[in-house]
Amino acid sequence: MSEIERRVEATREDPDYAEVTFDEADIAARRHRVLVGQAWNVIGHLQIDFLREQGLRPEHRFLDVGCGGFRAGRHLVDYLEPGHYYGIDIGHDVMRAGYDHELSDAQRARLPIGNLRVTDRFDADFGVSFDMAIAQSVFTHINLNRIRLCLHRVAKVMRPGSRFFATFNERRPRYPVDEVRKGMYTERNVFWYYRRDMRWAARETPWTLRYIGNWGHPRDQKMVEFTRDSD
């Protein structure tokens, strides 16, 4: 009997960040830093500098979407008034490693554990309204429908006029849909987007989008700003 022809071009599997765990050896090797990407110090400082330039003030309540091991959080905890930094992430162990090993005792005193949450669907309802938020290298790891869910749920906890900054991997308008470059398949690398995709995700949400673009990211992630409309 003849066999049906089978053609498999793409074999890469995307990681399940919710299931990543760290033992003591992993933490000693700082693999929790590697999980959230390289340039730990550079990107941490880049975020706090950018947010301050955008008007973040110590009295603001701030939401870090995808806070990970507190690469930016450790700077934000120092800058904001005690208890004004909040973080959510899908990975328990990376947050735990960051809280226990990247923050000092003084910083943990400024960041109540109740201001942190592990969530797989962007549950950011801490019972407060936020003035500013960021999702740095979050949209680079989720599909468009999850971006739309993130915008929907984050909007619920932001006050009118507040701003939510997010980075994404942008492709130029005429980048081919069917092309393989350096082993990357466009349809398998689902976490790159055209600028118009960000506008699509913001539709039917109470956000007004502004494209910022370059902001100094070492891997050229682009920045967009979502401003919360009045209800």
C-alpha atoms as a PDB file:
ATOM      1  CA  MET A   1       0.000   0.000   0.000  1.00  0.00           C
ATOM      2  CA  SER A   2       1.329   3.400  -0.930  1.00  0.00           C
ATOM      3  CA  GLU A   3       2.067   5.807   1.865  1.00  0.00           C
ATOM      4  CA  ILE A   4       0.758   9.342   2.044  1.00  0.00           C
ATOM      5  CA  GLU A   5       3.614  11.728   1.512  1.00  0.00           C
ATOM      6  CA  ARG A   6       4.673  13.540   4.666  1.00  0.00           C
ATOM      7  CA  ARG A   7       6.535  16.865   4.573  1.00  0.00           C
ATOM      8  CA  VAL A   8       7.693  18.506   7.810  1.00  0.00           C
ATOM      9  CA  GLU A   9       9.544  21.784   7.409  1.00  0.00           C
ATOM     10  CA  ALA A  10       9.322  23.329  10.884  1.00  0.00           C
ATOM     11  CA  THR A  11      10.133  21.427  14.060  1.00  0.00           C
ATOM     12  CA  ARG A  12      10.820  24.131  16.675  1.00  0.00           C
ATOM     13  CA  GLU A  13       8.600  23.972  19.756  1.00  0.00           C
ATOM     14  CA  ASP A  14       7.813  27.060  21.792  1.00  0.00           C
ATOM     15  CA  PRO A  15       8.694  26.871  25.505  1.00  0.00           C
ATOM     16  CA  ASP A  16       6.047  26.669  28.207  1.00  0.00           C
ATOM     17  CA  TYR A  17       7.179  29.424  30.557  1.00  0.00           C
ATOM     18  CA  ALA A  18       4.613  28.478  33.186  1.00  0.00           C
ATOM     19  CA  GLU A  19       6.333  25.135  33.715  1.00  0.00           C
ATOM     20  CA  VAL A  20       9.927  26.370  33.991  1.00  0.00           C
ATOM     21  CA  THR A  21      11.447  25.518  37.378  1.00  0.00           C
ATOM     22  CA  PHE A  22      14.727  26.379  39.066  1.00  0.00           C
ATOM     23  CA  ASP A  23      16.679  24.426  41.637  1.00  0.00           C
ATOM     24  CA  GLU A  24      19.465  25.829  43.819  1.00  0.00           C
ATOM     25  CA  ALA A  25      22.096  25.136  41.160  1.00  0.00           C
ATOM     26  CA  ASP A  26      20.028  26.959  38.549  1.00  0.00           C
ATOM     27  CA  ILE A  27      19.660  29.978  40.803  1.00  0.00           C
ATOM     28  CA  ALA A  28      23.362  29.984  41.657  1.00  0.00           C
ATOM     29  CA  ALA A  29      24.069  30.016  37.912  1.00  0.00           C
ATOM     30  CA  ARG A  30      21.522  32.832  37.538  1.00  0.00           C
ATOM     31  CA  ARG A  31      19.503  30.912  34.983  1.00  0.00           C
ATOM     32  CA  HIS A  32      16.459  32.880  36.092  1.00  0.00           C
ATOM     33  CA  ARG A  33      18.188  35.855  34.496  1.00  0.00           C
ATOM     34  CA  VAL A  34      18.853  33.951  31.293  1.00  0.00           C
ATOM     35  CA  LEU A  35      15.185  32.955  31.032  1.00  0.00           C
ATOM     36  CA  VAL A  36      14.110  36.563  30.613  1.00  0.00           C
ATOM     37  CA  GLY A  37      16.836  37.295  28.086  1.00  0.00           C
ATOM     38  CA  GLN A  38      20.351  38.619  28.025  1.00  0.00           C
ATOM     39  CA  ALA A  39      21.540  42.149  28.838  1.00  0.00           C
ATOM     40  CA  TRP A  40      20.093  41.904  32.358  1.00  0.00           C
ATOM     41  CA  ASN A  41      21.618  45.125  33.648  1.00  0.00           C
ATOM     42  CA  VAL A  42      21.304  47.072  30.397  1.00  0.00           C
ATOM     43  CA  ILE A  43      17.601  46.384  29.886  1.00  0.00           C
ATOM     44  CA  GLY A  44      16.803  46.864  33.554  1.00  0.00           C
ATOM     45  CA  HIS A  45      18.306  50.351  33.532  1.00  0.00           C
ATOM     46  CA  LEU A  46      16.829  51.059  30.096  1.00  0.00           C
ATOM     47  CA  GLN A  47      13.300  50.496  31.376  1.00  0.00           C
ATOM     48  CA  ILE A  48      13.515  52.677  34.477  1.00  0.00           C
ATOM     49  CA  ASP A  49      15.187  55.469  32.500  1.00  0.00           C
ATOM     50  CA  PHE A  50      12.542  55.281  29.768  1.00  0.00           C
ATOM     51  CA  LEU A  51       9.651  55.266  32.230  1.00  0.00           C
ATOM     52  CA  ARG A  52      10.995  58.246  34.129  1.00  0.00           C
ATOM     53  CA  GLU A  53      11.384  60.112  30.836  1.00  0.00           C
ATOM     54  CA  GLN A  54       7.729  59.301  30.138  1.00  0.00           C
ATOM     55  CA  GLY A  55       6.692  60.934  33.410  1.00  0.00           C
ATOM     56  CA  LEU A  56       6.687  58.132  35.972  1.00  0.00           C
ATOM     57  CA  ARG A  57       6.725  59.663  39.441  1.00  0.00           C
ATOM     58  CA  PRO A  58       7.406  58.034  42.827  1.00  0.00           C
ATOM     59  CA  GLU A  59       3.790  58.491  43.960  1.00  0.00           C
ATOM     60  CA  HIS A  60       2.402  56.616  40.948  1.00  0.00           C
ATOM     61  CA  ARG A  61       1.094  53.078  41.233  1.00  0.00           C
ATOM     62  CA  PHE A  62       2.881  50.970  38.657  1.00  0.00           C
ATOM     63  CA  LEU A  63       2.097  47.579  37.086  1.00  0.00           C
ATOM     64  CA  ASP A  64       4.914  45.439  35.650  1.00  0.00           C
ATOM     65  CA  VAL A  65       3.317  42.933  33.244  1.00  0.00           C
ATOM     66  CA  GLY A  66       5.703  40.006  32.877  1.00  0.00           C
ATOM     67  CA  CYS A  67       7.906  41.150  35.751  1.00  0.00           C
ATOM     68  CA  GLY A  68       9.932  37.914  35.683  1.00  0.00           C
ATOM     69  CA  GLY A  69      12.930  38.022  38.024  1.00  0.00           C
ATOM     70  CA  PHE A  70      12.573  41.801  38.589  1.00  0.00           C
ATOM     71  CA  ARG A  71      15.123  42.909  36.031  1.00  0.00           C
ATOM     72  CA  ALA A  72      13.377  46.299  35.961  1.00  0.00           C
ATOM     73  CA  GLY A  73      11.459  45.753  39.175  1.00  0.00           C
ATOM     74  CA  ARG A  74      14.485  46.093  41.424  1.00  0.00           C
ATOM     75  CA  HIS A  75      15.015  49.617  40.084  1.00  0.00           C
ATOM     76  CA  LEU A  76      11.329  50.495  40.185  1.00  0.00           C
ATOM     77  CA  VAL A  77      10.958  49.294  43.775  1.00  0.00           C
ATOM     78  CA  ASP A  78      13.683  51.727  44.810  1.00  0.00           C
ATOM     79  CA  TYR A  79      12.216  54.606  42.805  1.00  0.00           C
ATOM     80  CA  LEU A  80       8.526  54.261  43.660  1.00  0.00           C
ATOM     81  CA  GLU A  81       7.016  54.863  47.053  1.00  0.00           C
ATOM     82  CA  PRO A  82       6.818  51.702  49.207  1.00  0.00           C
ATOM     83  CA  GLY A  83       4.006  49.411  48.106  1.00  0.00           C
ATOM     84  CA  HIS A  84       3.454  51.182  44.781  1.00  0.00           C
ATOM     85  CA  TYR A  85       5.099  48.560  42.560  1.00  0.00           C
ATOM     86  CA  TYR A  86       3.005  45.559  41.453  1.00  0.00           C
ATOM     87  CA  GLY A  87       4.041  42.664  39.236  1.00  0.00           C
ATOM     88  CA  ILE A  88       2.432  39.764  37.409  1.00  0.00           C
ATOM     89  CA  ASP A  89       4.042  36.919  35.482  1.00  0.00           C
ATOM     90  CA  ILE A  90       3.170  33.458  34.195  1.00  0.00           C
ATOM     91  CA  GLY A  91       6.204  31.826  35.860  1.00  0.00           C
ATOM     92  CA  HIS A  92       6.185  31.141  39.587  1.00  0.00           C
ATOM     93  CA  ASP A  93       9.801  30.041  39.965  1.00  0.00           C
ATOM     94  CA  VAL A  94      11.312  32.960  38.078  1.00  0.00           C
ATOM     95  CA  MET A  95       9.387  35.391  40.289  1.00  0.00           C
ATOM     96  CA  ARG A  96      10.335  33.498  43.434  1.00  0.00           C
ATOM     97  CA  ALA A  97      13.997  33.418  42.431  1.00  0.00           C
ATOM     98  CA  GLY A  98      13.932  37.113  41.681  1.00  0.00           C
ATOM     99  CA  TYR A  99      12.170  38.041  44.908  1.00  0.00           C
ATOM    100  CA  ASP A 100      14.489  35.956  47.064  1.00  0.00           C
ATOM    101  CA  HIS A 101      17.807  36.524  45.291  1.00  0.00           C
ATOM    102  CA  GLU A 102      17.661  39.731  43.239  1.00  0.00           C
ATOM    103  CA  LEU A 103      16.045  41.978  45.848  1.00  0.00           C
ATOM    104  CA  SER A 104      17.663  43.111  49.066  1.00  0.00           C
ATOM    105  CA  ASP A 105      15.956  42.916  52.441  1.00  0.00           C
ATOM    106  CA  ALA A 106      15.257  46.639  52.189  1.00  0.00           C
ATOM    107  CA  GLN A 107      13.678  46.206  48.765  1.00  0.00           C
ATOM    108  CA  ARG A 108      11.499  43.302  49.908  1.00  0.00           C
ATOM    109  CA  ALA A 109      10.276  45.527  52.738  1.00  0.00           C
ATOM    110  CA  ARG A 110       9.132  48.006  50.071  1.00  0.00           C
ATOM    111  CA  LEU A 111       7.467  45.286  47.967  1.00  0.00           C
ATOM    112  CA  PRO A 112       4.770  43.328  49.840  1.00  0.00           C
ATOM    113  CA  ILE A 113       4.414  39.790  48.549  1.00  0.00           C
ATOM    114  CA  GLY A 114       0.719  40.558  48.102  1.00  0.00           C
ATOM    115  CA  ASN A 115       1.669  42.956  45.309  1.00  0.00           C
ATOM    116  CA  LEU A 116       2.802  40.002  43.194  1.00  0.00           C
ATOM    117  CA  ARG A 117       0.783  37.392  41.341  1.00  0.00           C
ATOM    118  CA  VAL A 118       1.374  34.389  39.108  1.00  0.00           C
ATOM    119  CA  THR A 119      -1.282  34.410  36.408  1.00  0.00           C
ATOM    120  CA  ASP A 120      -1.721  32.722  33.055  1.00  0.00           C
ATOM    121  CA  ARG A 121      -4.357  35.189  31.792  1.00  0.00           C
ATOM    122  CA  PHE A 122      -3.133  38.621  32.888  1.00  0.00           C
ATOM    123  CA  ASP A 123      -5.185  38.864  36.068  1.00  0.00           C
ATOM    124  CA  ALA A 124      -3.928  42.226  37.346  1.00  0.00           C
ATOM    125  CA  ASP A 125      -6.817  43.083  39.682  1.00  0.00           C
ATOM    126  CA  PHE A 126      -5.144  43.979  42.967  1.00  0.00           C
ATOM    127  CA  GLY A 127      -7.978  46.256  44.014  1.00  0.00           C
ATOM    128  CA  VAL A 128      -6.126  49.430  42.992  1.00  0.00           C
ATOM    129  CA  SER A 129      -5.959  51.594  39.864  1.00  0.00           C
ATOM    130  CA  PHE A 130      -2.639  52.074  38.119  1.00  0.00           C
ATOM    131  CA  ASP A 131      -1.074  55.199  36.656  1.00  0.00           C
ATOM    132  CA  MET A 132       1.425  53.483  34.377  1.00  0.00           C
ATOM    133  CA  ALA A 133       2.353  49.972  33.238  1.00  0.00           C
ATOM    134  CA  ILE A 134       4.852  48.202  31.012  1.00  0.00           C
ATOM    135  CA  ALA A 135       5.068  44.850  29.238  1.00  0.00           C
ATOM    136  CA  GLN A 136       8.709  44.597  28.182  1.00  0.00           C
ATOM    137  CA  SER A 137       9.370  41.532  26.027  1.00  0.00           C
ATOM    138  CA  VAL A 138       5.940  40.038  26.730  1.00  0.00           C
ATOM    139  CA  PHE A 139       4.309  40.612  23.345  1.00  0.00           C
ATOM    140  CA  THR A 140       7.458  39.046  21.866  1.00  0.00           C
ATOM    141  CA  HIS A 141       6.396  35.718  23.406  1.00  0.00           C
ATOM    142  CA  ILE A 142       2.598  35.570  22.926  1.00  0.00           C
ATOM    143  CA  ASN A 143       0.186  35.411  20.020  1.00  0.00           C
ATOM    144  CA  LEU A 144      -2.123  38.183  18.891  1.00  0.00           C
ATOM    145  CA  ASN A 145      -5.200  36.908  20.682  1.00  0.00           C
ATOM    146  CA  ARG A 146      -3.260  36.790  23.944  1.00  0.00           C
ATOM    147  CA  ILE A 147      -2.070  40.341  23.291  1.00  0.00           C
ATOM    148  CA  ARG A 148      -5.690  41.342  22.855  1.00  0.00           C
ATOM    149  CA  LEU A 149      -6.573  39.570  26.123  1.00  0.00           C
ATOM    150  CA  CYS A 150      -3.718  41.366  27.874  1.00  0.00           C
ATOM    151  CA  LEU A 151      -4.935  44.753  26.643  1.00  0.00           C
ATOM    152  CA  HIS A 152      -8.491  43.936  27.699  1.00  0.00           C
ATOM    153  CA  ARG A 153      -7.618  42.863  31.227  1.00  0.00           C
ATOM    154  CA  VAL A 154      -4.963  45.470  31.915  1.00  0.00           C
ATOM    155  CA  ALA A 155      -7.391  48.174  30.781  1.00  0.00           C
ATOM    156  CA  LYS A 156      -9.702  47.183  33.622  1.00  0.00           C
ATOM    157  CA  VAL A 157      -7.174  48.230  36.275  1.00  0.00           C
ATOM    158  CA  MET A 158      -5.805  51.405  34.670  1.00  0.00           C
ATOM    159  CA  ARG A 159      -7.212  54.818  35.449  1.00  0.00           C
ATOM    160  CA  PRO A 160      -8.409  57.045  32.558  1.00  0.00           C
ATOM    161  CA  GLY A 161      -5.475  58.808  30.949  1.00  0.00           C
ATOM    162  CA  SER A 162      -2.940  56.255  32.225  1.00  0.00           C
ATOM    163  CA  ARG A 163      -0.437  54.730  29.844  1.00  0.00           C
ATOM    164  CA  PHE A 164       0.631  51.163  29.153  1.00  0.00           C
ATOM    165  CA  PHE A 165       3.907  50.699  27.286  1.00  0.00           C
ATOM    166  CA  ALA A 166       4.686  47.469  25.439  1.00  0.00           C
ATOM    167  CA  THR A 167       7.501  46.224  23.232  1.00  0.00           C
ATOM    168  CA  PHE A 168       7.156  43.968  20.195  1.00  0.00           C
ATOM    169  CA  ASN A 169       9.269  42.504  17.414  1.00  0.00           C
ATOM    170  CA  GLU A 170       8.338  44.483  14.313  1.00  0.00           C
ATOM    171  CA  ARG A 171       8.598  43.307  10.735  1.00  0.00           C
ATOM    172  CA  ARG A 172       8.711  45.773   7.881  1.00  0.00           C
ATOM    173  CA  PRO A 173       5.449  46.137   5.930  1.00  0.00           C
ATOM    174  CA  ARG A 174       6.522  44.053   2.911  1.00  0.00           C
ATOM    175  CA  TYR A 175       8.373  41.299   4.785  1.00  0.00           C
ATOM    176  CA  PRO A 176       7.499  38.027   2.976  1.00  0.00           C
ATOM    177  CA  VAL A 177       4.961  35.755   4.644  1.00  0.00           C
ATOM    178  CA  ASP A 178       6.585  32.617   3.236  1.00  0.00           C
ATOM    179  CA  GLU A 179      10.302  32.892   3.879  1.00  0.00           C
ATOM    180  CA  VAL A 180      12.899  31.084   5.960  1.00  0.00           C
ATOM    181  CA  ARG A 181      15.821  33.083   7.348  1.00  0.00           C
ATOM    182  CA  LYS A 182      18.460  31.641   9.668  1.00  0.00           C
ATOM    183  CA  GLY A 183      16.240  28.671  10.442  1.00  0.00           C
ATOM    184  CA  MET A 184      13.275  30.859  11.394  1.00  0.00           C
ATOM    185  CA  TYR A 185       9.954  30.192   9.711  1.00  0.00           C
ATOM    186  CA  THR A 186       7.642  33.178   9.564  1.00  0.00           C
ATOM    187  CA  GLU A 187       4.559  31.193  10.572  1.00  0.00           C
ATOM    188  CA  ARG A 188       6.406  29.319  13.331  1.00  0.00           C
ATOM    189  CA  ASN A 189       7.983  32.448  14.723  1.00  0.00           C
ATOM    190  CA  VAL A 190       4.518  33.678  15.597  1.00  0.00           C
ATOM    191  CA  PHE A 191       5.761  36.372  17.919  1.00  0.00           C
ATOM    192  CA  TRP A 192       6.762  38.964  15.336  1.00  0.00           C
ATOM    193  CA  TYR A 193       4.214  41.433  14.065  1.00  0.00           C
ATOM    194  CA  TYR A 194       3.522  44.156  11.599  1.00  0.00           C
ATOM    195  CA  ARG A 195       2.741  47.531  13.103  1.00  0.00           C
ATOM    196  CA  ARG A 196      -0.842  47.176  11.927  1.00  0.00           C
ATOM    197  CA  ASP A 197      -1.183  44.021  14.057  1.00  0.00           C
ATOM    198  CA  MET A 198      -0.780  46.138  17.189  1.00  0.00           C
ATOM    199  CA  ARG A 199      -3.594  48.371  15.979  1.00  0.00           C
ATOM    200  CA  TRP A 200      -5.761  45.326  15.337  1.00  0.00           C
ATOM    201  CA  ALA A 201      -5.155  44.014  18.854  1.00  0.00           C
ATOM    202  CA  ALA A 202      -6.183  47.359  20.330  1.00  0.00           C
ATOM    203  CA  ARG A 203      -9.509  47.395  18.486  1.00  0.00           C
ATOM    204  CA  GLU A 204     -12.578  46.932  20.670  1.00  0.00           C
ATOM    205  CA  THR A 205     -10.519  47.986  23.719  1.00  0.00           C
ATOM    206  CA  PRO A 206     -10.500  51.339  25.552  1.00  0.00           C
ATOM    207  CA  TRP A 207      -6.958  52.103  24.396  1.00  0.00           C
ATOM    208  CA  THR A 208      -5.571  54.688  21.985  1.00  0.00           C
ATOM    209  CA  LEU A 209      -2.330  53.472  20.410  1.00  0.00           C
ATOM    210  CA  ARG A 210       0.740  55.558  19.631  1.00  0.00           C
ATOM    211  CA  TYR A 211       3.745  54.058  17.889  1.00  0.00           C
ATOM    212  CA  ILE A 212       7.036  55.086  19.517  1.00  0.00           C
ATOM    213  CA  GLY A 213       9.405  52.714  17.732  1.00  0.00           C
ATOM    214  CA  ASN A 214      13.074  52.891  18.680  1.00  0.00           C
ATOM    215  CA  TRP A 215      13.823  53.376  22.358  1.00  0.00           C
ATOM    216  CA  GLY A 216      17.319  51.937  22.614  1.00  0.00           C
ATOM    217  CA  HIS A 217      16.559  48.233  23.052  1.00  0.00           C
ATOM    218  CA  PRO A 218      19.708  46.171  22.304  1.00  0.00           C
ATOM    219  CA  ARG A 219      17.722  43.635  20.244  1.00  0.00           C
ATOM    220  CA  ASP A 220      15.707  46.319  18.478  1.00  0.00           C
ATOM    221  CA  GLN A 221      12.352  45.603  20.070  1.00  0.00           C
ATOM    222  CA  LYS A 222      10.016  48.472  19.220  1.00  0.00           C
ATOM    223  CA  MET A 223       7.858  50.350  21.707  1.00  0.00           C
ATOM    224  CA  VAL A 224       4.189  51.252  21.512  1.00  0.00           C
ATOM    225  CA  GLU A 225       2.132  53.296  23.948  1.00  0.00           C
ATOM    226  CA  PHE A 226      -1.495  52.579  24.833  1.00  0.00           C
ATOM    227  CA  THR A 227      -3.362  55.440  26.518  1.00  0.00           C
ATOM    228  CA  ARG A 228      -6.438  54.478  28.536  1.00  0.00           C
ATOM    229  CA  ASP A 229      -9.564  56.211  27.252  1.00  0.00           C
ATOM    230  CA  SER A 230     -12.268  57.488  29.556  1.00  0.00           C
ATOM    231  CA  ASP A 231     -15.169  55.087  29.990  1.00  0.00           C
END
